[in-house]
Each structure stands twice: as C-alpha cells, then as structure tokens.
PDB file of N, CA and C in Angstrom:
ATOM      1  N   UNK A   1       7.778  34.997  -4.630  1.00  0.00           N
ATOM      2  CA  UNK A   1       7.562  33.637  -4.166  1.00  0.00           C
ATOM      3  C   UNK A   1       8.920  33.151  -3.484  1.00  0.00           C
ATOM      4  N   UNK A   2       9.993  33.506  -4.010  1.00  0.00           N
ATOM      5  CA  UNK A   2      11.244  33.028  -3.485  1.00  0.00           C
ATOM      6  C   UNK A   2      11.434  33.488  -1.987  1.00  0.00           C
ATOM      7  N   UNK A   3      11.087  34.808  -1.744  1.00  0.00           N
ATOM      8  CA  UNK A   3      11.195  35.334  -0.403  1.00  0.00           C
ATOM      9  C   UNK A   3      10.298  34.576   0.579  1.00  0.00           C
ATOM     10  N   UNK A   4       9.102  34.257   0.056  1.00  0.00           N
ATOM     11  CA  UNK A   4       8.199  33.457   0.947  1.00  0.00           C
ATOM     12  C   UNK A   4       8.738  32.069   1.185  1.00  0.00           C
ATOM     13  N   UNK A   5       9.388  31.414   0.242  1.00  0.00           N
ATOM     14  CA  UNK A   5      10.016  30.064   0.423  1.00  0.00           C
ATOM     15  C   UNK A   5      11.221  30.211   1.446  1.00  0.00           C
ATOM     16  N   UNK A   6      11.937  31.319   1.306  1.00  0.00           N
ATOM     17  CA  UNK A   6      13.074  31.492   2.244  1.00  0.00           C
ATOM     18  C   UNK A   6      12.574  31.698   3.661  1.00  0.00           C
ATOM     19  N   UNK A   7      11.557  32.569   3.778  1.00  0.00           N
ATOM     20  CA  UNK A   7      10.997  32.815   5.131  1.00  0.00           C
ATOM     21  C   UNK A   7      10.391  31.511   5.684  1.00  0.00           C
ATOM     22  N   UNK A   8       9.748  30.775   4.913  1.00  0.00           N
ATOM     23  CA  UNK A   8       9.127  29.504   5.426  1.00  0.00           C
ATOM     24  C   UNK A   8      10.219  28.500   5.814  1.00  0.00           C
ATOM     25  N   UNK A   9      11.272  28.415   5.043  1.00  0.00           N
ATOM     26  CA  UNK A   9      12.410  27.549   5.283  1.00  0.00           C
ATOM     27  C   UNK A   9      13.126  28.027   6.588  1.00  0.00           C
ATOM     28  N   UNK A  10      13.278  29.289   6.787  1.00  0.00           N
ATOM     29  CA  UNK A  10      13.879  29.896   7.950  1.00  0.00           C
ATOM     30  C   UNK A  10      12.997  29.533   9.250  1.00  0.00           C
ATOM     31  N   UNK A  11      11.646  29.676   9.031  1.00  0.00           N
ATOM     32  CA  UNK A  11      10.744  29.449  10.125  1.00  0.00           C
ATOM     33  C   UNK A  11      10.745  27.959  10.510  1.00  0.00           C
ATOM     34  N   UNK A  12      10.864  27.081   9.618  1.00  0.00           N
ATOM     35  CA  UNK A  12      10.943  25.744   9.820  1.00  0.00           C
ATOM     36  C   UNK A  12      12.086  25.389  10.717  1.00  0.00           C
ATOM     37  N   UNK A  13      13.300  25.903  10.419  1.00  0.00           N
ATOM     38  CA  UNK A  13      14.461  25.741  11.254  1.00  0.00           C
ATOM     39  C   UNK A  13      14.275  26.254  12.653  1.00  0.00           C
ATOM     40  N   UNK A  14      13.575  27.343  12.749  1.00  0.00           N
ATOM     41  CA  UNK A  14      13.345  27.954  14.078  1.00  0.00           C
ATOM     42  C   UNK A  14      12.420  27.078  14.927  1.00  0.00           C
ATOM     43  N   UNK A  15      11.597  26.236  14.191  1.00  0.00           N
ATOM     44  CA  UNK A  15      10.640  25.386  15.011  1.00  0.00           C
ATOM     45  C   UNK A  15      11.174  24.039  15.298  1.00  0.00           C
ATOM     46  N   UNK A  16      12.380  23.695  14.850  1.00  0.00           N
ATOM     47  CA  UNK A  16      12.954  22.439  15.090  1.00  0.00           C
ATOM     48  C   UNK A  16      13.227  22.277  16.606  1.00  0.00           C
ATOM     49  N   UNK A  17      12.882  21.117  17.143  1.00  0.00           N
ATOM     50  CA  UNK A  17      12.963  20.993  18.535  1.00  0.00           C
ATOM     51  C   UNK A  17      14.341  20.407  18.977  1.00  0.00           C
ATOM     52  N   UNK A  18      14.600  20.531  20.206  1.00  0.00           N
ATOM     53  CA  UNK A  18      15.887  20.001  20.758  1.00  0.00           C
ATOM     54  C   UNK A  18      16.083  18.511  20.540  1.00  0.00           C
ATOM     55  N   UNK A  19      14.952  17.768  20.550  1.00  0.00           N
ATOM     56  CA  UNK A  19      15.013  16.316  20.318  1.00  0.00           C
ATOM     57  C   UNK A  19      15.659  15.969  19.012  1.00  0.00           C
ATOM     58  N   UNK A  20      15.382  16.714  17.986  1.00  0.00           N
ATOM     59  CA  UNK A  20      15.977  16.471  16.721  1.00  0.00           C
ATOM     60  C   UNK A  20      17.552  16.575  16.787  1.00  0.00           C
ATOM     61  N   UNK A  21      18.032  17.647  17.419  1.00  0.00           N
ATOM     62  CA  UNK A  21      19.435  17.797  17.572  1.00  0.00           C
ATOM     63  C   UNK A  21      20.153  16.705  18.436  1.00  0.00           C
ATOM     64  N   UNK A  22      19.377  16.277  19.467  1.00  0.00           N
ATOM     65  CA  UNK A  22      19.881  15.231  20.280  1.00  0.00           C
ATOM     66  C   UNK A  22      19.993  13.928  19.456  1.00  0.00           C
ATOM     67  N   UNK A  23      18.974  13.574  18.675  1.00  0.00           N
ATOM     68  CA  UNK A  23      19.019  12.417  17.778  1.00  0.00           C
ATOM     69  C   UNK A  23      20.207  12.575  16.800  1.00  0.00           C
ATOM     70  N   UNK A  24      20.363  13.739  16.247  1.00  0.00           N
ATOM     71  CA  UNK A  24      21.521  13.924  15.320  1.00  0.00           C
ATOM     72  C   UNK A  24      22.865  13.708  15.951  1.00  0.00           C
ATOM     73  N   UNK A  25      23.054  14.068  17.236  1.00  0.00           N
ATOM     74  CA  UNK A  25      24.243  13.843  17.939  1.00  0.00           C
ATOM     75  C   UNK A  25      24.581  12.383  18.180  1.00  0.00           C
ATOM     76  N   UNK A  26      23.443  11.588  18.223  1.00  0.00           N
ATOM     77  CA  UNK A  26      23.687  10.164  18.504  1.00  0.00           C
ATOM     78  C   UNK A  26      23.957   9.354  17.252  1.00  0.00           C
ATOM     79  N   UNK A  27      23.877   9.959  16.116  1.00  0.00           N
ATOM     80  CA  UNK A  27      24.143   9.268  14.828  1.00  0.00           C
ATOM     81  C   UNK A  27      25.650   9.053  14.757  1.00  0.00           C
ATOM     82  N   UNK A  28      26.100   7.815  14.493  1.00  0.00           N
ATOM     83  CA  UNK A  28      27.569   7.600  14.268  1.00  0.00           C
ATOM     84  C   UNK A  28      28.161   8.524  13.250  1.00  0.00           C
ATOM     85  N   UNK A  29      29.346   8.975  13.498  1.00  0.00           N
ATOM     86  CA  UNK A  29      29.931   9.981  12.611  1.00  0.00           C
ATOM     87  C   UNK A  29      30.112   9.378  11.180  1.00  0.00           C
ATOM     88  N   UNK A  30      30.213   8.037  11.027  1.00  0.00           N
ATOM     89  CA  UNK A  30      30.322   7.402   9.792  1.00  0.00           C
ATOM     90  C   UNK A  30      29.103   7.577   8.905  1.00  0.00           C
ATOM     91  N   UNK A  31      27.959   7.793   9.593  1.00  0.00           N
ATOM     92  CA  UNK A  31      26.722   7.922   8.880  1.00  0.00           C
ATOM     93  C   UNK A  31      26.392   9.354   8.429  1.00  0.00           C
ATOM     94  N   UNK A  32      27.167  10.279   8.815  1.00  0.00           N
ATOM     95  CA  UNK A  32      26.906  11.745   8.458  1.00  0.00           C
ATOM     96  C   UNK A  32      26.987  11.893   6.886  1.00  0.00           C
ATOM     97  N   UNK A  33      27.964  11.359   6.283  1.00  0.00           N
ATOM     98  CA  UNK A  33      28.107  11.521   4.831  1.00  0.00           C
ATOM     99  C   UNK A  33      26.904  11.053   4.058  1.00  0.00           C
ATOM    100  N   UNK A  34      26.476   9.804   4.415  1.00  0.00           N
ATOM    101  CA  UNK A  34      25.253   9.301   3.767  1.00  0.00           C
ATOM    102  C   UNK A  34      24.013  10.085   4.087  1.00  0.00           C
ATOM    103  N   UNK A  35      23.904  10.576   5.301  1.00  0.00           N
ATOM    104  CA  UNK A  35      22.781  11.423   5.707  1.00  0.00           C
ATOM    105  C   UNK A  35      22.759  12.762   4.810  1.00  0.00           C
ATOM    106  N   UNK A  36      23.908  13.366   4.748  1.00  0.00           N
ATOM    107  CA  UNK A  36      23.992  14.650   3.955  1.00  0.00           C
ATOM    108  C   UNK A  36      23.769  14.522   2.543  1.00  0.00           C
ATOM    109  N   UNK A  37      24.316  13.341   1.979  1.00  0.00           N
ATOM    110  CA  UNK A  37      23.958  13.087   0.588  1.00  0.00           C
ATOM    111  C   UNK A  37      22.459  12.882   0.335  1.00  0.00           C
ATOM    112  N   UNK A  38      21.834  12.208   1.215  1.00  0.00           N
ATOM    113  CA  UNK A  38      20.367  11.999   1.066  1.00  0.00           C
ATOM    114  C   UNK A  38      19.631  13.310   1.223  1.00  0.00           C
ATOM    115  N   UNK A  39      20.085  14.110   2.180  1.00  0.00           N
ATOM    116  CA  UNK A  39      19.451  15.445   2.364  1.00  0.00           C
ATOM    117  C   UNK A  39      19.597  16.354   1.183  1.00  0.00           C
ATOM    118  N   UNK A  40      20.847  16.305   0.566  1.00  0.00           N
ATOM    119  CA  UNK A  40      21.112  17.074  -0.608  1.00  0.00           C
ATOM    120  C   UNK A  40      20.213  16.620  -1.834  1.00  0.00           C
ATOM    121  N   UNK A  41      20.053  15.402  -1.964  1.00  0.00           N
ATOM    122  CA  UNK A  41      19.193  14.819  -3.141  1.00  0.00           C
ATOM    123  C   UNK A  41      17.748  15.289  -2.794  1.00  0.00           C
ATOM    124  N   UNK A  42      17.313  15.181  -1.562  1.00  0.00           N
ATOM    125  CA  UNK A  42      16.003  15.640  -1.247  1.00  0.00           C
ATOM    126  C   UNK A  42      15.771  17.083  -1.531  1.00  0.00           C
ATOM    127  N   UNK A  43      16.824  17.970  -1.101  1.00  0.00           N
ATOM    128  CA  UNK A  43      16.680  19.322  -1.405  1.00  0.00           C
ATOM    129  C   UNK A  43      16.524  19.658  -2.857  1.00  0.00           C
ATOM    130  N   UNK A  44      17.383  18.965  -3.675  1.00  0.00           N
ATOM    131  CA  UNK A  44      17.380  19.117  -5.087  1.00  0.00           C
ATOM    132  C   UNK A  44      16.016  18.721  -5.692  1.00  0.00           C
ATOM    133  N   UNK A  45      15.424  17.605  -5.158  1.00  0.00           N
ATOM    134  CA  UNK A  45      14.090  17.263  -5.597  1.00  0.00           C
ATOM    135  C   UNK A  45      13.039  18.310  -5.324  1.00  0.00           C
ATOM    136  N   UNK A  46      13.042  18.864  -4.061  1.00  0.00           N
ATOM    137  CA  UNK A  46      12.179  19.889  -3.724  1.00  0.00           C
ATOM    138  C   UNK A  46      12.361  21.185  -4.537  1.00  0.00           C
ATOM    139  N   UNK A  47      13.643  21.523  -4.827  1.00  0.00           N
ATOM    140  CA  UNK A  47      13.886  22.671  -5.697  1.00  0.00           C
ATOM    141  C   UNK A  47      13.332  22.457  -7.073  1.00  0.00           C
ATOM    142  N   UNK A  48      13.438  21.305  -7.612  1.00  0.00           N
ATOM    143  CA  UNK A  48      12.886  20.909  -8.917  1.00  0.00           C
ATOM    144  C   UNK A  48      11.351  21.017  -8.875  1.00  0.00           C
ATOM    145  N   UNK A  49      10.680  20.505  -7.877  1.00  0.00           N
ATOM    146  CA  UNK A  49       9.306  20.632  -7.725  1.00  0.00           C
ATOM    147  C   UNK A  49       8.817  22.093  -7.588  1.00  0.00           C
ATOM    148  N   UNK A  50       9.490  22.874  -6.848  1.00  0.00           N
ATOM    149  CA  UNK A  50       9.133  24.294  -6.720  1.00  0.00           C
ATOM    150  C   UNK A  50       9.305  24.948  -8.079  1.00  0.00           C
ATOM    151  N   UNK A  51      10.367  24.748  -8.802  1.00  0.00           N
ATOM    152  CA  UNK A  51      10.640  25.321 -10.079  1.00  0.00           C
ATOM    153  C   UNK A  51       9.505  24.912 -11.110  1.00  0.00           C
ATOM    154  N   UNK A  52       9.132  23.682 -11.084  1.00  0.00           N
ATOM    155  CA  UNK A  52       8.035  23.230 -11.981  1.00  0.00           C
ATOM    156  C   UNK A  52       6.770  23.837 -11.618  1.00  0.00           C
ATOM    157  N   UNK A  53       6.445  24.048 -10.378  1.00  0.00           N
ATOM    158  CA  UNK A  53       5.204  24.627  -9.974  1.00  0.00           C
ATOM    159  C   UNK A  53       5.096  26.151 -10.330  1.00  0.00           C
ATOM    160  N   UNK A  54       6.268  26.756 -10.422  1.00  0.00           N
ATOM    161  CA  UNK A  54       6.233  28.128 -10.807  1.00  0.00           C
ATOM    162  C   UNK A  54       5.786  28.356 -12.226  1.00  0.00           C
ATOM    163  N   UNK A  55       5.963  27.420 -13.105  1.00  0.00           N
ATOM    164  CA  UNK A  55       5.678  27.488 -14.479  1.00  0.00           C
ATOM    165  C   UNK A  55       4.228  27.141 -14.763  1.00  0.00           C
TER     166      UNK A  55
END
C-alpha cells in the first residue's frame, strides 16, 4: 500500500500545472512560513487518516 501511496503522490506532483508555480511565486515571502506550517499540518492529518484506514 505504501508504494502505491508514494507513486500516487509522485504522479500528483508530475500533474501540477505551471499556473500553480506562478501563483506560488506571487505569494509574499512573509507568507511562506504560514503556508508551509499549514501544509505540514495537512500532511500529518492525511498520514493519520491513511494509517487509520490501514487498520
């Protein structure tokens, strides 16, 4: 299951469009820390959900 998750995650990154990166470049530098904190919490939430669904 973990390999499938990794491959799916990798595929998602490959599908990201240039527009997303353009939008990220326009975010003020001061907002990056808040953005990364939010993304880290979201990733932890998803990891917890995946772990719970394995059981």
